[in-house]
Full PDB file with SEQRES, HELIX, SHEET, SSBOND, CRYST1, ORIGX, SCALE, CONECT and MASTER records, all heavy atoms in Angstrom:
SEQRES   1 A   33  TYR GLY PRO PHE TYR LEU GLU TYR SER LEU LEU ALA GLU          
SEQRES   2 A   33  PHE THR LEU VAL VAL LYS GLN LYS LEU PRO GLY VAL TYR          
SEQRES   3 A   33  VAL GLN PRO SER TYR GLN SER                                  
HELIX    1 AA1 GLY A    2  GLN A   20  1                                  19    
CRYST1    1.000    1.000    1.000  90.00  90.00  90.00 P 1           1          
ORIGX1      1.000000  0.000000  0.000000        0.00000                         
ORIGX2      0.000000  1.000000  0.000000        0.00000                         
ORIGX3      0.000000  0.000000  1.000000        0.00000                         
SCALE1      1.000000  0.000000  0.000000        0.00000                         
SCALE2      0.000000  1.000000  0.000000        0.00000                         
SCALE3      0.000000  0.000000  1.000000        0.00000                         
ATOM      1  N   TYR A   1     -18.668   0.562  -7.281  1.00  0.00           N  
ATOM      2  CA  TYR A   1     -17.788   0.862  -6.252  1.00  0.00           C  
ATOM      3  C   TYR A   1     -16.511   0.053  -6.330  1.00  0.00           C  
ATOM      4  O   TYR A   1     -15.689   0.076  -5.390  1.00  0.00           O  
ATOM      5  CB  TYR A   1     -18.442   0.767  -4.869  1.00  0.00           C  
ATOM      6  CG  TYR A   1     -18.931  -0.653  -4.548  1.00  0.00           C  
ATOM      7  CD1 TYR A   1     -18.153  -1.614  -4.021  1.00  0.00           C  
ATOM      8  CD2 TYR A   1     -20.287  -0.968  -4.765  1.00  0.00           C  
ATOM      9  CE1 TYR A   1     -18.602  -2.911  -3.702  1.00  0.00           C  
ATOM     10  CE2 TYR A   1     -20.774  -2.208  -4.483  1.00  0.00           C  
ATOM     11  CZ  TYR A   1     -19.961  -3.157  -3.929  1.00  0.00           C  
ATOM     12  OH  TYR A   1     -20.400  -4.415  -3.670  1.00  0.00           O  
ATOM     13  N   GLY A   2     -16.285  -0.684  -7.382  1.00  0.00           N  
ATOM     14  CA  GLY A   2     -15.106  -1.469  -7.578  1.00  0.00           C  
ATOM     15  C   GLY A   2     -13.779  -0.698  -7.482  1.00  0.00           C  
ATOM     16  O   GLY A   2     -12.921  -1.086  -6.730  1.00  0.00           O  
ATOM     17  N   PRO A   3     -13.651   0.457  -8.159  1.00  0.00           N  
ATOM     18  CA  PRO A   3     -12.397   1.261  -8.107  1.00  0.00           C  
ATOM     19  C   PRO A   3     -12.110   1.769  -6.674  1.00  0.00           C  
ATOM     20  O   PRO A   3     -11.024   1.813  -6.294  1.00  0.00           O  
ATOM     21  CB  PRO A   3     -12.666   2.401  -9.060  1.00  0.00           C  
ATOM     22  CG  PRO A   3     -13.697   1.850 -10.004  1.00  0.00           C  
ATOM     23  CD  PRO A   3     -14.582   0.993  -9.221  1.00  0.00           C  
ATOM     24  N   PHE A   4     -13.206   2.060  -5.912  1.00  0.00           N  
ATOM     25  CA  PHE A   4     -12.975   2.564  -4.551  1.00  0.00           C  
ATOM     26  C   PHE A   4     -12.547   1.404  -3.716  1.00  0.00           C  
ATOM     27  O   PHE A   4     -11.719   1.665  -2.752  1.00  0.00           O  
ATOM     28  CB  PHE A   4     -14.319   3.202  -4.076  1.00  0.00           C  
ATOM     29  CG  PHE A   4     -14.785   4.356  -4.886  1.00  0.00           C  
ATOM     30  CD1 PHE A   4     -15.797   4.117  -5.777  1.00  0.00           C  
ATOM     31  CD2 PHE A   4     -14.183   5.637  -4.746  1.00  0.00           C  
ATOM     32  CE1 PHE A   4     -16.245   5.199  -6.561  1.00  0.00           C  
ATOM     33  CE2 PHE A   4     -14.663   6.641  -5.568  1.00  0.00           C  
ATOM     34  CZ  PHE A   4     -15.644   6.446  -6.450  1.00  0.00           C  
ATOM     35  N   TYR A   5     -13.075   0.230  -3.896  1.00  0.00           N  
ATOM     36  CA  TYR A   5     -12.681  -0.936  -3.164  1.00  0.00           C  
ATOM     37  C   TYR A   5     -11.237  -1.253  -3.361  1.00  0.00           C  
ATOM     38  O   TYR A   5     -10.443  -1.606  -2.492  1.00  0.00           O  
ATOM     39  CB  TYR A   5     -13.554  -2.062  -3.414  1.00  0.00           C  
ATOM     40  CG  TYR A   5     -13.191  -3.363  -2.707  1.00  0.00           C  
ATOM     41  CD1 TYR A   5     -13.554  -3.557  -1.404  1.00  0.00           C  
ATOM     42  CD2 TYR A   5     -12.458  -4.340  -3.320  1.00  0.00           C  
ATOM     43  CE1 TYR A   5     -13.201  -4.672  -0.684  1.00  0.00           C  
ATOM     44  CE2 TYR A   5     -12.103  -5.506  -2.696  1.00  0.00           C  
ATOM     45  CZ  TYR A   5     -12.470  -5.676  -1.359  1.00  0.00           C  
ATOM     46  OH  TYR A   5     -12.079  -6.833  -0.710  1.00  0.00           O  
ATOM     47  N   LEU A   6     -10.820  -1.217  -4.676  1.00  0.00           N  
ATOM     48  CA  LEU A   6      -9.426  -1.483  -5.023  1.00  0.00           C  
ATOM     49  C   LEU A   6      -8.506  -0.466  -4.344  1.00  0.00           C  
ATOM     50  O   LEU A   6      -7.453  -0.821  -3.786  1.00  0.00           O  
ATOM     51  CB  LEU A   6      -9.279  -1.457  -6.514  1.00  0.00           C  
ATOM     52  CG  LEU A   6      -7.844  -1.602  -7.059  1.00  0.00           C  
ATOM     53  CD1 LEU A   6      -7.265  -2.967  -6.638  1.00  0.00           C  
ATOM     54  CD2 LEU A   6      -7.805  -1.514  -8.508  1.00  0.00           C  
ATOM     55  N   GLU A   7      -8.901   0.830  -4.419  1.00  0.00           N  
ATOM     56  CA  GLU A   7      -8.023   1.847  -3.769  1.00  0.00           C  
ATOM     57  C   GLU A   7      -7.932   1.611  -2.271  1.00  0.00           C  
ATOM     58  O   GLU A   7      -6.896   1.723  -1.675  1.00  0.00           O  
ATOM     59  CB  GLU A   7      -8.641   3.225  -4.089  1.00  0.00           C  
ATOM     60  CG  GLU A   7      -7.803   4.366  -3.479  1.00  0.00           C  
ATOM     61  CD  GLU A   7      -8.421   5.738  -3.788  1.00  0.00           C  
ATOM     62  OE1 GLU A   7      -9.442   5.763  -4.482  1.00  0.00           O  
ATOM     63  OE2 GLU A   7      -7.872   6.770  -3.336  1.00  0.00           O  
ATOM     64  N   TYR A   8      -9.033   1.286  -1.605  1.00  0.00           N  
ATOM     65  CA  TYR A   8      -9.040   1.013  -0.181  1.00  0.00           C  
ATOM     66  C   TYR A   8      -8.120  -0.211   0.101  1.00  0.00           C  
ATOM     67  O   TYR A   8      -7.342  -0.181   1.129  1.00  0.00           O  
ATOM     68  CB  TYR A   8     -10.453   0.783   0.295  1.00  0.00           C  
ATOM     69  CG  TYR A   8     -10.486   0.235   1.709  1.00  0.00           C  
ATOM     70  CD1 TYR A   8     -10.421   1.088   2.799  1.00  0.00           C  
ATOM     71  CD2 TYR A   8     -10.691  -1.137   1.994  1.00  0.00           C  
ATOM     72  CE1 TYR A   8     -10.453   0.682   4.118  1.00  0.00           C  
ATOM     73  CE2 TYR A   8     -10.690  -1.634   3.255  1.00  0.00           C  
ATOM     74  CZ  TYR A   8     -10.653  -0.682   4.293  1.00  0.00           C  
ATOM     75  OH  TYR A   8     -10.632  -1.175   5.586  1.00  0.00           O  
ATOM     76  N   SER A   9      -8.228  -1.252  -0.724  1.00  0.00           N  
ATOM     77  CA  SER A   9      -7.425  -2.476  -0.414  1.00  0.00           C  
ATOM     78  C   SER A   9      -5.940  -2.134  -0.572  1.00  0.00           C  
ATOM     79  O   SER A   9      -5.127  -2.645   0.273  1.00  0.00           O  
ATOM     80  CB  SER A   9      -7.761  -3.561  -1.500  1.00  0.00           C  
ATOM     81  OG  SER A   9      -9.153  -3.910  -1.368  1.00  0.00           O  
ATOM     82  N   LEU A  10      -5.548  -1.352  -1.551  1.00  0.00           N  
ATOM     83  CA  LEU A  10      -4.078  -1.031  -1.665  1.00  0.00           C  
ATOM     84  C   LEU A  10      -3.612  -0.170  -0.564  1.00  0.00           C  
ATOM     85  O   LEU A  10      -2.471  -0.246  -0.162  1.00  0.00           O  
ATOM     86  CB  LEU A  10      -3.906  -0.372  -3.038  1.00  0.00           C  
ATOM     87  CG  LEU A  10      -4.197  -1.247  -4.302  1.00  0.00           C  
ATOM     88  CD1 LEU A  10      -4.097  -0.455  -5.546  1.00  0.00           C  
ATOM     89  CD2 LEU A  10      -3.220  -2.462  -4.320  1.00  0.00           C  
ATOM     90  N   LEU A  11      -4.500   0.781  -0.153  1.00  0.00           N  
ATOM     91  CA  LEU A  11      -4.146   1.671   1.006  1.00  0.00           C  
ATOM     92  C   LEU A  11      -3.878   0.813   2.225  1.00  0.00           C  
ATOM     93  O   LEU A  11      -2.969   1.039   3.004  1.00  0.00           O  
ATOM     94  CB  LEU A  11      -5.158   2.723   1.221  1.00  0.00           C  
ATOM     95  CG  LEU A  11      -4.924   3.724   2.340  1.00  0.00           C  
ATOM     96  CD1 LEU A  11      -3.642   4.479   2.123  1.00  0.00           C  
ATOM     97  CD2 LEU A  11      -6.107   4.636   2.489  1.00  0.00           C  
ATOM     98  N   ALA A  12      -4.841  -0.121   2.470  1.00  0.00           N  
ATOM     99  CA  ALA A  12      -4.627  -1.028   3.627  1.00  0.00           C  
ATOM    100  C   ALA A  12      -3.423  -1.861   3.549  1.00  0.00           C  
ATOM    101  O   ALA A  12      -2.711  -2.084   4.534  1.00  0.00           O  
ATOM    102  CB  ALA A  12      -5.924  -1.962   3.708  1.00  0.00           C  
ATOM    103  N   GLU A  13      -3.079  -2.315   2.301  1.00  0.00           N  
ATOM    104  CA  GLU A  13      -1.874  -3.119   2.129  1.00  0.00           C  
ATOM    105  C   GLU A  13      -0.652  -2.295   2.425  1.00  0.00           C  
ATOM    106  O   GLU A  13       0.402  -2.786   3.109  1.00  0.00           O  
ATOM    107  CB  GLU A  13      -1.801  -3.634   0.697  1.00  0.00           C  
ATOM    108  CG  GLU A  13      -2.789  -4.791   0.378  1.00  0.00           C  
ATOM    109  CD  GLU A  13      -2.440  -6.037   1.114  1.00  0.00           C  
ATOM    110  OE1 GLU A  13      -1.326  -6.215   1.515  1.00  0.00           O  
ATOM    111  OE2 GLU A  13      -3.361  -6.857   1.259  1.00  0.00           O  
ATOM    112  N   PHE A  14      -0.593  -1.082   1.990  1.00  0.00           N  
ATOM    113  CA  PHE A  14       0.590  -0.277   2.215  1.00  0.00           C  
ATOM    114  C   PHE A  14       0.720   0.036   3.735  1.00  0.00           C  
ATOM    115  O   PHE A  14       1.805   0.144   4.242  1.00  0.00           O  
ATOM    116  CB  PHE A  14       0.541   0.989   1.481  1.00  0.00           C  
ATOM    117  CG  PHE A  14       1.788   1.864   1.527  1.00  0.00           C  
ATOM    118  CD1 PHE A  14       2.950   1.527   0.865  1.00  0.00           C  
ATOM    119  CD2 PHE A  14       1.811   3.029   2.289  1.00  0.00           C  
ATOM    120  CE1 PHE A  14       4.105   2.259   1.025  1.00  0.00           C  
ATOM    121  CE2 PHE A  14       2.904   3.824   2.376  1.00  0.00           C  
ATOM    122  CZ  PHE A  14       4.093   3.474   1.800  1.00  0.00           C  
ATOM    123  N   THR A  15      -0.362   0.227   4.382  1.00  0.00           N  
ATOM    124  CA  THR A  15      -0.385   0.477   5.815  1.00  0.00           C  
ATOM    125  C   THR A  15       0.195  -0.741   6.572  1.00  0.00           C  
ATOM    126  O   THR A  15       1.016  -0.615   7.505  1.00  0.00           O  
ATOM    127  CB  THR A  15      -1.790   0.718   6.361  1.00  0.00           C  
ATOM    128  OG1 THR A  15      -2.328   1.933   5.633  1.00  0.00           O  
ATOM    129  CG2 THR A  15      -1.783   1.000   7.841  1.00  0.00           C  
ATOM    130  N   LEU A  16      -0.176  -1.922   6.101  1.00  0.00           N  
ATOM    131  CA  LEU A  16       0.418  -3.143   6.649  1.00  0.00           C  
ATOM    132  C   LEU A  16       1.955  -3.225   6.498  1.00  0.00           C  
ATOM    133  O   LEU A  16       2.666  -3.644   7.363  1.00  0.00           O  
ATOM    134  CB  LEU A  16      -0.270  -4.387   6.076  1.00  0.00           C  
ATOM    135  CG  LEU A  16      -1.637  -4.662   6.487  1.00  0.00           C  
ATOM    136  CD1 LEU A  16      -2.256  -5.858   5.788  1.00  0.00           C  
ATOM    137  CD2 LEU A  16      -1.761  -4.914   8.021  1.00  0.00           C  
ATOM    138  N   VAL A  17       2.357  -2.822   5.260  1.00  0.00           N  
ATOM    139  CA  VAL A  17       3.832  -2.841   4.997  1.00  0.00           C  
ATOM    140  C   VAL A  17       4.591  -1.899   5.953  1.00  0.00           C  
ATOM    141  O   VAL A  17       5.631  -2.259   6.524  1.00  0.00           O  
ATOM    142  CB  VAL A  17       4.110  -2.410   3.553  1.00  0.00           C  
ATOM    143  CG1 VAL A  17       5.565  -2.188   3.322  1.00  0.00           C  
ATOM    144  CG2 VAL A  17       3.563  -3.439   2.587  1.00  0.00           C  
ATOM    145  N   VAL A  18       3.974  -0.748   6.209  1.00  0.00           N  
ATOM    146  CA  VAL A  18       4.621   0.232   7.130  1.00  0.00           C  
ATOM    147  C   VAL A  18       4.699  -0.349   8.572  1.00  0.00           C  
ATOM    148  O   VAL A  18       5.680  -0.209   9.312  1.00  0.00           O  
ATOM    149  CB  VAL A  18       3.895   1.577   7.108  1.00  0.00           C  
ATOM    150  CG1 VAL A  18       4.432   2.505   8.112  1.00  0.00           C  
ATOM    151  CG2 VAL A  18       3.931   2.230   5.698  1.00  0.00           C  
ATOM    152  N   LYS A  19       3.577  -0.963   8.966  1.00  0.00           N  
ATOM    153  CA  LYS A  19       3.569  -1.541  10.313  1.00  0.00           C  
ATOM    154  C   LYS A  19       4.482  -2.746  10.524  1.00  0.00           C  
ATOM    155  O   LYS A  19       5.063  -2.923  11.642  1.00  0.00           O  
ATOM    156  CB  LYS A  19       2.115  -1.954  10.680  1.00  0.00           C  
ATOM    157  CG  LYS A  19       1.135  -0.854  10.809  1.00  0.00           C  
ATOM    158  CD  LYS A  19      -0.243  -1.314  11.210  1.00  0.00           C  
ATOM    159  CE  LYS A  19      -1.215  -0.184  11.404  1.00  0.00           C  
ATOM    160  NZ  LYS A  19      -2.552  -0.725  11.832  1.00  0.00           N  
ATOM    161  N   GLN A  20       4.769  -3.437   9.495  1.00  0.00           N  
ATOM    162  CA  GLN A  20       5.623  -4.614   9.593  1.00  0.00           C  
ATOM    163  C   GLN A  20       7.121  -4.190   9.823  1.00  0.00           C  
ATOM    164  O   GLN A  20       7.833  -4.967  10.430  1.00  0.00           O  
ATOM    165  CB  GLN A  20       5.543  -5.492   8.369  1.00  0.00           C  
ATOM    166  CG  GLN A  20       4.251  -6.215   8.217  1.00  0.00           C  
ATOM    167  CD  GLN A  20       3.932  -7.156   9.357  1.00  0.00           C  
ATOM    168  OE1 GLN A  20       4.808  -7.833   9.825  1.00  0.00           O  
ATOM    169  NE2 GLN A  20       2.668  -7.207   9.754  1.00  0.00           N  
ATOM    170  N   LYS A  21       7.470  -3.028   9.307  1.00  0.00           N  
ATOM    171  CA  LYS A  21       8.938  -2.509   9.509  1.00  0.00           C  
ATOM    172  C   LYS A  21       9.926  -3.589   9.016  1.00  0.00           C  
ATOM    173  O   LYS A  21      10.785  -4.009   9.757  1.00  0.00           O  
ATOM    174  CB  LYS A  21       9.168  -2.096  10.915  1.00  0.00           C  
ATOM    175  CG  LYS A  21       8.251  -1.002  11.410  1.00  0.00           C  
ATOM    176  CD  LYS A  21       8.593  -0.643  12.814  1.00  0.00           C  
ATOM    177  CE  LYS A  21       7.725   0.516  13.328  1.00  0.00           C  
ATOM    178  NZ  LYS A  21       7.953   0.899  14.721  1.00  0.00           N  
ATOM    179  N   LEU A  22       9.746  -4.026   7.769  1.00  0.00           N  
ATOM    180  CA  LEU A  22      10.577  -5.049   7.306  1.00  0.00           C  
ATOM    181  C   LEU A  22      12.068  -4.511   7.207  1.00  0.00           C  
ATOM    182  O   LEU A  22      12.400  -3.500   6.622  1.00  0.00           O  
ATOM    183  CB  LEU A  22      10.198  -5.472   5.829  1.00  0.00           C  
ATOM    184  CG  LEU A  22       8.738  -5.935   5.731  1.00  0.00           C  
ATOM    185  CD1 LEU A  22       8.393  -6.225   4.251  1.00  0.00           C  
ATOM    186  CD2 LEU A  22       8.497  -7.157   6.566  1.00  0.00           C  
ATOM    187  N   PRO A  23      13.021  -5.217   7.814  1.00  0.00           N  
ATOM    188  CA  PRO A  23      14.409  -4.711   7.858  1.00  0.00           C  
ATOM    189  C   PRO A  23      15.083  -4.715   6.527  1.00  0.00           C  
ATOM    190  O   PRO A  23      15.037  -5.654   5.787  1.00  0.00           O  
ATOM    191  CB  PRO A  23      15.098  -5.766   8.832  1.00  0.00           C  
ATOM    192  CG  PRO A  23      14.234  -6.983   8.785  1.00  0.00           C  
ATOM    193  CD  PRO A  23      12.873  -6.500   8.547  1.00  0.00           C  
ATOM    194  N   GLY A  24      15.570  -3.548   6.134  1.00  0.00           N  
ATOM    195  CA  GLY A  24      16.282  -3.463   4.890  1.00  0.00           C  
ATOM    196  C   GLY A  24      15.480  -3.332   3.601  1.00  0.00           C  
ATOM    197  O   GLY A  24      15.956  -3.371   2.563  1.00  0.00           O  
ATOM    198  N   VAL A  25      14.089  -3.203   3.781  1.00  0.00           N  
ATOM    199  CA  VAL A  25      13.200  -3.151   2.712  1.00  0.00           C  
ATOM    200  C   VAL A  25      12.405  -1.885   2.681  1.00  0.00           C  
ATOM    201  O   VAL A  25      11.847  -1.515   3.711  1.00  0.00           O  
ATOM    202  CB  VAL A  25      12.177  -4.371   2.639  1.00  0.00           C  
ATOM    203  CG1 VAL A  25      11.268  -4.303   1.414  1.00  0.00           C  
ATOM    204  CG2 VAL A  25      12.964  -5.718   2.681  1.00  0.00           C  
ATOM    205  N   TYR A  26      12.423  -1.075   1.639  1.00  0.00           N  
ATOM    206  CA  TYR A  26      11.678   0.121   1.476  1.00  0.00           C  
ATOM    207  C   TYR A  26      10.934   0.186   0.216  1.00  0.00           C  
ATOM    208  O   TYR A  26      11.409  -0.172  -0.875  1.00  0.00           O  
ATOM    209  CB  TYR A  26      12.753   1.266   1.534  1.00  0.00           C  
ATOM    210  CG  TYR A  26      13.579   1.351   2.696  1.00  0.00           C  
ATOM    211  CD1 TYR A  26      14.844   0.593   2.745  1.00  0.00           C  
ATOM    212  CD2 TYR A  26      13.259   2.024   3.843  1.00  0.00           C  
ATOM    213  CE1 TYR A  26      15.686   0.595   3.865  1.00  0.00           C  
ATOM    214  CE2 TYR A  26      14.088   2.005   4.964  1.00  0.00           C  
ATOM    215  CZ  TYR A  26      15.332   1.284   4.915  1.00  0.00           C  
ATOM    216  OH  TYR A  26      16.075   1.302   6.076  1.00  0.00           O  
ATOM    217  N   VAL A  27       9.708   0.589   0.308  1.00  0.00           N  
ATOM    218  CA  VAL A  27       8.791   0.630  -0.888  1.00  0.00           C  
ATOM    219  C   VAL A  27       8.073   1.982  -0.867  1.00  0.00           C  
ATOM    220  O   VAL A  27       7.901   2.614   0.133  1.00  0.00           O  
ATOM    221  CB  VAL A  27       7.784  -0.468  -0.970  1.00  0.00           C  
ATOM    222  CG1 VAL A  27       8.449  -1.809  -1.185  1.00  0.00           C  
ATOM    223  CG2 VAL A  27       6.957  -0.550   0.387  1.00  0.00           C  
ATOM    224  N   GLN A  28       7.701   2.365  -2.090  1.00  0.00           N  
ATOM    225  CA  GLN A  28       6.947   3.619  -2.332  1.00  0.00           C  
ATOM    226  C   GLN A  28       5.988   3.436  -3.468  1.00  0.00           C  
ATOM    227  O   GLN A  28       6.458   3.104  -4.590  1.00  0.00           O  
ATOM    228  CB  GLN A  28       7.925   4.785  -2.609  1.00  0.00           C  
ATOM    229  CG  GLN A  28       7.241   6.089  -3.044  1.00  0.00           C  
ATOM    230  CD  GLN A  28       6.517   6.748  -1.874  1.00  0.00           C  
ATOM    231  OE1 GLN A  28       6.893   6.636  -0.721  1.00  0.00           O  
ATOM    232  NE2 GLN A  28       5.343   7.348  -2.220  1.00  0.00           N  
ATOM    233  N   PRO A  29       4.668   3.595  -3.327  1.00  0.00           N  
ATOM    234  CA  PRO A  29       3.687   3.474  -4.440  1.00  0.00           C  
ATOM    235  C   PRO A  29       4.036   4.526  -5.514  1.00  0.00           C  
ATOM    236  O   PRO A  29       4.393   5.608  -5.181  1.00  0.00           O  
ATOM    237  CB  PRO A  29       2.359   3.703  -3.759  1.00  0.00           C  
ATOM    238  CG  PRO A  29       2.572   3.411  -2.340  1.00  0.00           C  
ATOM    239  CD  PRO A  29       4.013   3.729  -1.997  1.00  0.00           C  
ATOM    240  N   SER A  30       3.752   4.181  -6.711  1.00  0.00           N  
ATOM    241  CA  SER A  30       3.912   5.059  -7.832  1.00  0.00           C  
ATOM    242  C   SER A  30       2.953   6.235  -7.790  1.00  0.00           C  
ATOM    243  O   SER A  30       1.825   6.118  -7.305  1.00  0.00           O  
ATOM    244  CB  SER A  30       3.777   4.276  -9.136  1.00  0.00           C  
ATOM    245  OG  SER A  30       3.737   5.185 -10.256  1.00  0.00           O  
ATOM    246  N   TYR A  31       3.382   7.338  -8.362  1.00  0.00           N  
ATOM    247  CA  TYR A  31       2.483   8.503  -8.526  1.00  0.00           C  
ATOM    248  C   TYR A  31       1.471   8.244  -9.609  1.00  0.00           C  
ATOM    249  O   TYR A  31       0.298   8.722  -9.512  1.00  0.00           O  
ATOM    250  CB  TYR A  31       3.345   9.736  -8.776  1.00  0.00           C  
ATOM    251  CG  TYR A  31       2.457  10.995  -9.070  1.00  0.00           C  
ATOM    252  CD1 TYR A  31       1.969  11.734  -8.014  1.00  0.00           C  
ATOM    253  CD2 TYR A  31       2.197  11.361 -10.361  1.00  0.00           C  
ATOM    254  CE1 TYR A  31       1.214  12.868  -8.276  1.00  0.00           C  
ATOM    255  CE2 TYR A  31       1.429  12.522 -10.640  1.00  0.00           C  
ATOM    256  CZ  TYR A  31       0.960  13.262  -9.618  1.00  0.00           C  
ATOM    257  OH  TYR A  31       0.156  14.377  -9.886  1.00  0.00           O  
ATOM    258  N   GLN A  32       1.907   7.562 -10.691  1.00  0.00           N  
ATOM    259  CA  GLN A  32       1.032   7.365 -11.848  1.00  0.00           C  
ATOM    260  C   GLN A  32      -0.011   6.318 -11.587  1.00  0.00           C  
ATOM    261  O   GLN A  32      -1.142   6.390 -12.080  1.00  0.00           O  
ATOM    262  CB  GLN A  32       1.893   6.935 -13.066  1.00  0.00           C  
ATOM    263  CG  GLN A  32       2.867   7.981 -13.438  1.00  0.00           C  
ATOM    264  CD  GLN A  32       3.823   7.556 -14.604  1.00  0.00           C  
ATOM    265  OE1 GLN A  32       3.644   6.466 -15.108  1.00  0.00           O  
ATOM    266  NE2 GLN A  32       4.733   8.390 -14.959  1.00  0.00           N  
ATOM    267  N   SER A  33       0.323   5.217 -10.827  1.00  0.00           N  
ATOM    268  CA  SER A  33      -0.619   4.140 -10.654  1.00  0.00           C  
ATOM    269  C   SER A  33      -0.361   3.493  -9.261  1.00  0.00           C  
ATOM    270  O   SER A  33       0.830   3.177  -8.963  1.00  0.00           O  
ATOM    271  CB  SER A  33      -0.519   3.122 -11.720  1.00  0.00           C  
ATOM    272  OG  SER A  33      -1.245   1.904 -11.448  1.00  0.00           O  
TER     273      SER A  33                                                      
MASTER        0    0    0    1    0    0    0    6  272    1    0    3          
END                                                                             
């Protein structure tokens, strides 16, 4: 279940980025990876 845990961790990280609303900073995960 390592790959699923990694995917969950990255999804949680991106959710935290969205919640922080960093001023002037915009990010988007890659489609490929």
